[in-house]
Amino acid sequence: MRSKKFINRISAILGIIVMLLIVFAIYNHIYPLSWGLHGKVNKGLLSGEAIHGYDPVAYFTELRAVKGNENISFGYNDATWYFASQENLDLFKSDPEKYSPQFGGYCSFAVSKGYSADSDPETFEIIDGKLYLCAEPDIKEDWLKEGKTAIDIAYENWK
């Protein structure tokens, strides 16, 4: 009788752990790319905002991450993009592909490994005129160490 209660408790604890892992994965957009659960753009679950509300054009014009203004927004690829100025919005509208982060704004390192994962808009790199985001600085450094090979693999995985 005691062993059955013990097994039931262990099963309940394992069930809770699995549920927490699932919630963590969904919140952080972590899925194998092969599952096809990721959208074209990494956006907030409830807000629909791309790259956590940061201005994609500012990475190129100011060379830093700048939070966008809720009053200056544009719908593109089923996400809402925010901009720090009307000028940045106009630049984005003229060529959204130029200013959009690669891999929909998901973590570039994760995509190179075959997964989608949320990114930190403050952790970015511009390489050959393209914006790449990563989940955190250490991950970005690991990704950069892999060089062009990691970028090529990420593009192949993203197809």
Foldseek 3Di string as FASTA:
>chain_A
DVVVVVVVVVVVVVVVVVVVVVVVCVQFQKDQVVVVPDAQADAHPPQLAGLQQWQLQCCVVVVFTHHFDPVAWDDDSSGIHGHNDVVSSVVCVVPVVLRQAPSNQFALLQLLVRIGGHFHSRAWDQDPSHIHTHRDNVSSVVLCVVPPNSVVSSVVSSD
